[in-house]
Amino acid sequence: MRIEDTDPAKHASIEYPMEVSAPVFAPIQVVAEKDKAVNIARQNAQLEYDRIMEQAAVLVKQAKALQARLDATEMVHAATFSFNPIHGKIYHLYVDQRTQKNLLIQNGPNEWSCGIPQNWTYSFAVKKLGDSTWAVVEEV
């Protein structure tokens, strides 16, 4: 018999029960517990990964929208116009096929009394935003 078996003060630190009234316990299956812990960690990591990817998708969408506004702004500033654009008002971009230049006009494609001038091609409608950028808008 080992010394721990006879010393009652050491009974609490022994890995097996020493008394009849001691609680029954079984050895822990370490491999099964490790598998459970790894699966729980994977599930939590996957949830966190999915949440981060959702946030990244929102940021990508915002970046694309900002790039589209910058592209429209560059086209408008490269265009020829002879008026002072007002924030919030919708204007229309045309391409003059003869000179290959963009023109910013107040009239939309359906607002001409005699039709769109010859050699002009309608591109799209733009709106000047409060930060002085231009956004492409859908026709209503």
C-alpha atoms as a PDB file:
ATOM      1  CA  MET A   1       0.000   0.000   0.000  1.00  0.00           C
ATOM      2  CA  ARG A   2       1.240   3.483  -0.891  1.00  0.00           C
ATOM      3  CA  ILE A   3       1.757   6.224   1.664  1.00  0.00           C
ATOM      4  CA  GLU A   4      -1.046   8.332   0.144  1.00  0.00           C
ATOM      5  CA  ASP A   5      -3.486   5.512   0.813  1.00  0.00           C
ATOM      6  CA  THR A   6      -2.881   5.680   4.546  1.00  0.00           C
ATOM      7  CA  ASP A   7      -2.653   9.454   4.972  1.00  0.00           C
ATOM      8  CA  PRO A   8      -6.224  10.929   5.121  1.00  0.00           C
ATOM      9  CA  ALA A   9      -4.930  14.468   4.427  1.00  0.00           C
ATOM     10  CA  LYS A  10      -3.790  13.410   0.970  1.00  0.00           C
ATOM     11  CA  HIS A  11      -7.048  11.712  -0.034  1.00  0.00           C
ATOM     12  CA  ALA A  12      -8.316  14.839  -1.804  1.00  0.00           C
ATOM     13  CA  SER A  13      -5.367  14.930  -4.178  1.00  0.00           C
ATOM     14  CA  ILE A  14      -5.455  11.254  -5.215  1.00  0.00           C
ATOM     15  CA  GLU A  15      -6.958  10.514  -8.629  1.00  0.00           C
ATOM     16  CA  TYR A  16      -9.089   7.628  -7.402  1.00  0.00           C
ATOM     17  CA  PRO A  17     -11.628   7.382  -4.531  1.00  0.00           C
ATOM     18  CA  MET A  18     -10.199   6.243  -1.179  1.00  0.00           C
ATOM     19  CA  GLU A  19     -13.368   5.976   0.898  1.00  0.00           C
ATOM     20  CA  VAL A  20     -16.658   4.161   0.498  1.00  0.00           C
ATOM     21  CA  SER A  21     -18.647   7.409   0.632  1.00  0.00           C
ATOM     22  CA  ALA A  22     -16.409   9.223  -1.889  1.00  0.00           C
ATOM     23  CA  PRO A  23     -18.153  10.463  -5.062  1.00  0.00           C
ATOM     24  CA  VAL A  24     -17.863   8.238  -8.071  1.00  0.00           C
ATOM     25  CA  PHE A  25     -15.984   9.671 -10.989  1.00  0.00           C
ATOM     26  CA  ALA A  26     -14.758   8.299 -14.228  1.00  0.00           C
ATOM     27  CA  PRO A  27     -11.559   9.223 -15.962  1.00  0.00           C
ATOM     28  CA  ILE A  28     -11.916  12.094 -18.422  1.00  0.00           C
ATOM     29  CA  GLN A  29     -11.687  11.086 -22.041  1.00  0.00           C
ATOM     30  CA  VAL A  30      -9.078  13.617 -23.087  1.00  0.00           C
ATOM     31  CA  VAL A  31      -9.359  13.027 -26.841  1.00  0.00           C
ATOM     32  CA  ALA A  32     -13.142  13.464 -26.805  1.00  0.00           C
ATOM     33  CA  GLU A  33     -12.871  16.632 -24.700  1.00  0.00           C
ATOM     34  CA  LYS A  34     -10.232  18.053 -27.039  1.00  0.00           C
ATOM     35  CA  ASP A  35     -12.478  17.338 -30.030  1.00  0.00           C
ATOM     36  CA  LYS A  36     -15.374  19.121 -28.342  1.00  0.00           C
ATOM     37  CA  ALA A  37     -13.177  22.109 -27.508  1.00  0.00           C
ATOM     38  CA  VAL A  38     -11.839  22.310 -31.074  1.00  0.00           C
ATOM     39  CA  ASN A  39     -15.359  22.099 -32.532  1.00  0.00           C
ATOM     40  CA  ILE A  40     -16.614  24.848 -30.222  1.00  0.00           C
ATOM     41  CA  ALA A  41     -13.619  27.010 -31.111  1.00  0.00           C
ATOM     42  CA  ARG A  42     -14.251  26.437 -34.838  1.00  0.00           C
ATOM     43  CA  GLN A  43     -17.919  27.352 -34.500  1.00  0.00           C
ATOM     44  CA  ASN A  44     -17.112  30.569 -32.644  1.00  0.00           C
ATOM     45  CA  ALA A  45     -14.349  31.451 -35.081  1.00  0.00           C
ATOM     46  CA  GLN A  46     -16.690  30.814 -38.042  1.00  0.00           C
ATOM     47  CA  LEU A  47     -19.330  33.124 -36.547  1.00  0.00           C
ATOM     48  CA  GLU A  48     -16.730  35.841 -36.040  1.00  0.00           C
ATOM     49  CA  TYR A  49     -15.346  35.298 -39.559  1.00  0.00           C
ATOM     50  CA  ASP A  50     -18.840  35.564 -41.083  1.00  0.00           C
ATOM     51  CA  ARG A  51     -19.489  38.786 -39.149  1.00  0.00           C
ATOM     52  CA  ILE A  52     -16.204  40.288 -40.350  1.00  0.00           C
ATOM     53  CA  MET A  53     -16.924  39.269 -43.942  1.00  0.00           C
ATOM     54  CA  GLU A  54     -20.344  40.963 -43.765  1.00  0.00           C
ATOM     55  CA  GLN A  55     -18.641  44.160 -42.597  1.00  0.00           C
ATOM     56  CA  ALA A  56     -16.052  43.842 -45.366  1.00  0.00           C
ATOM     57  CA  ALA A  57     -18.827  43.458 -47.958  1.00  0.00           C
ATOM     58  CA  VAL A  58     -20.415  46.693 -46.717  1.00  0.00           C
ATOM     59  CA  LEU A  59     -17.068  48.483 -46.948  1.00  0.00           C
ATOM     60  CA  VAL A  60     -16.471  47.164 -50.483  1.00  0.00           C
ATOM     61  CA  LYS A  61     -19.928  48.381 -51.515  1.00  0.00           C
ATOM     62  CA  GLN A  62     -19.227  51.828 -50.038  1.00  0.00           C
ATOM     63  CA  ALA A  63     -15.832  51.968 -51.759  1.00  0.00           C
ATOM     64  CA  LYS A  64     -17.387  51.102 -55.132  1.00  0.00           C
ATOM     65  CA  ALA A  65     -20.055  53.778 -54.678  1.00  0.00           C
ATOM     66  CA  LEU A  66     -17.393  56.338 -53.796  1.00  0.00           C
ATOM     67  CA  GLN A  67     -15.326  55.347 -56.837  1.00  0.00           C
ATOM     68  CA  ALA A  68     -18.404  55.716 -59.071  1.00  0.00           C
ATOM     69  CA  ARG A  69     -18.974  59.215 -57.653  1.00  0.00           C
ATOM     70  CA  LEU A  70     -15.346  60.141 -58.289  1.00  0.00           C
ATOM     71  CA  ASP A  71     -15.552  58.829 -61.867  1.00  0.00           C
ATOM     72  CA  ALA A  72     -18.721  60.850 -62.486  1.00  0.00           C
ATOM     73  CA  THR A  73     -17.086  63.919 -60.917  1.00  0.00           C
ATOM     74  CA  GLU A  74     -14.092  63.624 -63.232  1.00  0.00           C
ATOM     75  CA  MET A  75     -16.364  63.284 -66.273  1.00  0.00           C
ATOM     76  CA  VAL A  76     -18.400  66.338 -65.285  1.00  0.00           C
ATOM     77  CA  HIS A  77     -15.336  68.455 -64.590  1.00  0.00           C
ATOM     78  CA  ALA A  78     -13.906  67.438 -67.960  1.00  0.00           C
ATOM     79  CA  ALA A  79     -17.181  68.424 -69.628  1.00  0.00           C
ATOM     80  CA  THR A  80     -17.956  71.779 -71.200  1.00  0.00           C
ATOM     81  CA  PHE A  81     -20.701  73.867 -69.553  1.00  0.00           C
ATOM     82  CA  SER A  82     -21.446  77.569 -69.318  1.00  0.00           C
ATOM     83  CA  PHE A  83     -23.479  77.873 -66.115  1.00  0.00           C
ATOM     84  CA  ASN A  84     -22.945  77.519 -62.389  1.00  0.00           C
ATOM     85  CA  PRO A  85     -24.317  74.109 -61.289  1.00  0.00           C
ATOM     86  CA  ILE A  86     -26.504  74.128 -58.192  1.00  0.00           C
ATOM     87  CA  HIS A  87     -26.182  71.497 -55.463  1.00  0.00           C
ATOM     88  CA  GLY A  88     -28.987  68.936 -55.552  1.00  0.00           C
ATOM     89  CA  LYS A  89     -30.143  69.697 -59.102  1.00  0.00           C
ATOM     90  CA  ILE A  90     -30.041  67.050 -61.826  1.00  0.00           C
ATOM     91  CA  TYR A  91     -28.055  67.735 -65.004  1.00  0.00           C
ATOM     92  CA  HIS A  92     -27.413  65.632 -68.096  1.00  0.00           C
ATOM     93  CA  LEU A  93     -24.183  64.614 -69.792  1.00  0.00           C
ATOM     94  CA  TYR A  94     -24.026  64.361 -73.576  1.00  0.00           C
ATOM     95  CA  VAL A  95     -21.152  63.498 -75.896  1.00  0.00           C
ATOM     96  CA  ASP A  96     -20.614  65.676 -78.966  1.00  0.00           C
ATOM     97  CA  GLN A  97     -19.544  63.118 -81.589  1.00  0.00           C
ATOM     98  CA  ARG A  98     -17.907  65.766 -83.779  1.00  0.00           C
ATOM     99  CA  THR A  99     -15.514  67.068 -81.109  1.00  0.00           C
ATOM    100  CA  GLN A 100     -15.543  63.978 -78.844  1.00  0.00           C
ATOM    101  CA  LYS A 101     -16.164  66.192 -75.796  1.00  0.00           C
ATOM    102  CA  ASN A 102     -18.606  65.808 -72.940  1.00  0.00           C
ATOM    103  CA  LEU A 103     -21.248  68.495 -72.487  1.00  0.00           C
ATOM    104  CA  LEU A 104     -23.150  69.173 -69.282  1.00  0.00           C
ATOM    105  CA  ILE A 105     -26.642  70.387 -70.160  1.00  0.00           C
ATOM    106  CA  GLN A 106     -29.700  71.199 -68.082  1.00  0.00           C
ATOM    107  CA  ASN A 107     -32.106  69.538 -70.550  1.00  0.00           C
ATOM    108  CA  GLY A 108     -32.756  65.820 -70.335  1.00  0.00           C
ATOM    109  CA  PRO A 109     -33.187  63.666 -73.440  1.00  0.00           C
ATOM    110  CA  ASN A 110     -36.998  64.104 -73.374  1.00  0.00           C
ATOM    111  CA  GLU A 111     -36.996  67.850 -72.640  1.00  0.00           C
ATOM    112  CA  TRP A 112     -35.873  69.148 -76.053  1.00  0.00           C
ATOM    113  CA  SER A 113     -38.573  70.871 -78.107  1.00  0.00           C
ATOM    114  CA  CYS A 114     -36.844  70.038 -81.409  1.00  0.00           C
ATOM    115  CA  GLY A 115     -35.051  66.881 -80.296  1.00  0.00           C
ATOM    116  CA  ILE A 116     -31.468  66.296 -79.259  1.00  0.00           C
ATOM    117  CA  PRO A 117     -29.030  68.193 -81.482  1.00  0.00           C
ATOM    118  CA  GLN A 118     -27.492  66.218 -84.289  1.00  0.00           C
ATOM    119  CA  ASN A 119     -24.199  64.461 -83.439  1.00  0.00           C
ATOM    120  CA  TRP A 120     -24.970  64.513 -79.707  1.00  0.00           C
ATOM    121  CA  THR A 121     -25.353  61.278 -77.773  1.00  0.00           C
ATOM    122  CA  TYR A 122     -26.973  61.135 -74.357  1.00  0.00           C
ATOM    123  CA  SER A 123     -24.783  59.548 -71.657  1.00  0.00           C
ATOM    124  CA  PHE A 124     -26.515  59.781 -68.281  1.00  0.00           C
ATOM    125  CA  ALA A 125     -27.981  62.101 -65.651  1.00  0.00           C
ATOM    126  CA  VAL A 126     -25.854  63.433 -62.797  1.00  0.00           C
ATOM    127  CA  LYS A 127     -26.579  65.288 -59.593  1.00  0.00           C
ATOM    128  CA  LYS A 128     -24.240  67.618 -57.726  1.00  0.00           C
ATOM    129  CA  LEU A 129     -23.952  66.551 -54.104  1.00  0.00           C
ATOM    130  CA  GLY A 130     -23.229  68.686 -51.052  1.00  0.00           C
ATOM    131  CA  ASP A 131     -19.553  67.698 -50.976  1.00  0.00           C
ATOM    132  CA  SER A 132     -19.119  68.956 -54.574  1.00  0.00           C
ATOM    133  CA  THR A 133     -18.913  65.453 -55.997  1.00  0.00           C
ATOM    134  CA  TRP A 134     -21.280  64.257 -58.702  1.00  0.00           C
ATOM    135  CA  ALA A 135     -23.368  61.089 -58.595  1.00  0.00           C
ATOM    136  CA  VAL A 136     -24.988  59.294 -61.504  1.00  0.00           C
ATOM    137  CA  VAL A 137     -28.758  59.194 -60.937  1.00  0.00           C
ATOM    138  CA  GLU A 138     -31.458  57.047 -62.465  1.00  0.00           C
ATOM    139  CA  GLU A 139     -34.032  58.769 -64.620  1.00  0.00           C
ATOM    140  CA  VAL A 140     -37.461  59.058 -63.014  1.00  0.00           C
END
